[in-house]
Protein backbone atom coordinates (compact mmCIF):
# COMPACT_ATOMS: atom_id res chain seq x y z
CA MET A 1 -4.56 27.64 -4.25
CA ASN A 2 -1.06 26.33 -5.04
CA GLY A 3 -2.06 24.05 -7.89
CA THR A 4 -3.93 20.93 -8.80
CA SER A 5 -3.23 17.69 -7.01
CA THR A 6 -1.67 14.98 -9.16
CA LEU A 7 -2.48 12.26 -6.64
CA THR A 8 -5.00 9.61 -7.60
CA ASN A 9 -7.80 8.00 -5.65
CA SER A 10 -6.85 5.04 -3.53
CA GLU A 11 -8.48 2.85 -0.93
CA VAL A 12 -8.19 -0.40 0.95
CA THR A 13 -11.01 -2.64 -0.26
CA ASN A 14 -10.64 -5.91 1.65
CA ILE A 15 -8.59 -7.40 4.49
CA ASN A 16 -8.43 -11.14 5.11
CA SER A 17 -6.20 -13.55 7.01
CA ILE A 18 -3.46 -13.62 4.35
CA GLY A 19 -3.29 -9.95 3.33
CA PHE A 20 -5.28 -7.05 1.97
CA TYR A 21 -6.36 -5.51 -1.30
CA ILE A 22 -5.98 -1.90 -2.34
CA ILE A 23 -7.20 -0.04 -5.39
CA VAL A 24 -5.10 2.75 -6.85
CA GLU A 25 -6.35 4.50 -9.97
CA ASN A 26 -8.78 1.67 -10.79
CA ARG A 27 -6.09 -1.03 -10.51
CA GLU A 28 -6.25 -3.61 -7.74
CA TYR A 29 -3.16 -4.79 -5.84
CA PHE A 30 -2.74 -7.46 -3.17
CA ILE A 31 -0.39 -6.95 -0.22
CA PRO A 32 0.33 -10.34 1.42
CA PHE A 33 1.15 -10.39 5.12
CA ASN A 34 3.90 -12.98 4.61
CA GLU A 35 5.80 -10.57 2.33
CA TYR A 36 4.97 -7.44 4.36
CA PRO A 37 4.87 -8.79 7.95
CA ILE A 38 4.86 -5.32 9.50
CA PHE A 39 1.15 -5.16 8.69
CA LYS A 40 0.53 -8.14 11.01
CA THR A 41 1.62 -6.01 13.96
CA ILE A 42 -0.48 -2.89 13.41
CA PRO A 43 -4.19 -2.47 14.22
CA LEU A 44 -6.47 -3.32 11.31
CA HIS A 45 -8.06 0.13 11.29
CA ASP A 46 -4.61 1.65 10.69
CA ILE A 47 -4.29 -0.29 7.42
CA PHE A 48 -7.12 1.87 6.07
CA GLU A 49 -5.07 5.03 6.75
CA MET A 50 -3.22 4.77 3.43
CA THR A 51 -2.27 7.83 1.40
CA LEU A 52 -0.39 8.40 -1.82
CA LEU A 53 2.92 10.22 -1.68
CA SER A 54 3.14 10.12 -5.45
CA PRO A 55 1.33 8.25 -8.22
CA GLU A 56 3.74 5.35 -7.59
CA GLN A 57 4.18 5.34 -3.81
CA ILE A 58 1.67 4.46 -1.10
CA TYR A 59 2.29 5.43 2.50
CA TRP A 60 1.04 4.70 6.01
CA GLU A 61 2.23 7.75 7.93
CA LYS A 62 1.40 6.59 11.46
CA HIS A 63 3.73 3.59 11.04
CA ASP A 64 6.18 5.11 8.53
CA ILE A 65 5.55 2.35 5.98
CA ASP A 66 5.80 2.98 2.26
CA ILE A 67 5.53 0.68 -0.73
CA GLU A 68 6.30 1.40 -4.35
CA LEU A 69 3.50 0.25 -6.63
CA SER A 70 6.10 -1.19 -9.00
CA ALA A 71 6.99 -3.70 -6.25
CA LEU A 72 3.37 -4.83 -6.20
CA LYS A 73 3.03 -4.86 -9.99
CA ASP A 74 6.18 -6.95 -10.57
CA PRO A 75 7.23 -8.54 -7.26
CA HIS A 76 9.69 -10.88 -8.97
CA LEU A 77 11.84 -7.82 -9.78
CA PHE A 78 12.17 -7.01 -6.07
CA MET A 79 13.80 -10.00 -4.41
CA LEU A 80 14.29 -8.44 -0.97
CA SER A 81 11.43 -8.89 1.46
CA TYR A 82 10.03 -6.07 3.55
CA LYS A 83 10.97 -6.27 7.25
């Protein structure tokens, strides 16, 4: 065994017509489709294939999409939209 994982539990909890909710380390985040339109183009079941690259970065490997949790915590600090 190389060591203990530092990654936290995460999961997608709900998907609706305007976006989806995830929980990372007991904190809920909302990812709106209008700010992350790439998620409109992928199959819904692929949205559930989320992993954590680090305690602050979520990743969808099949589609090479990553989001920093800080961008979801304080979106007003990140003025560029995801394309």
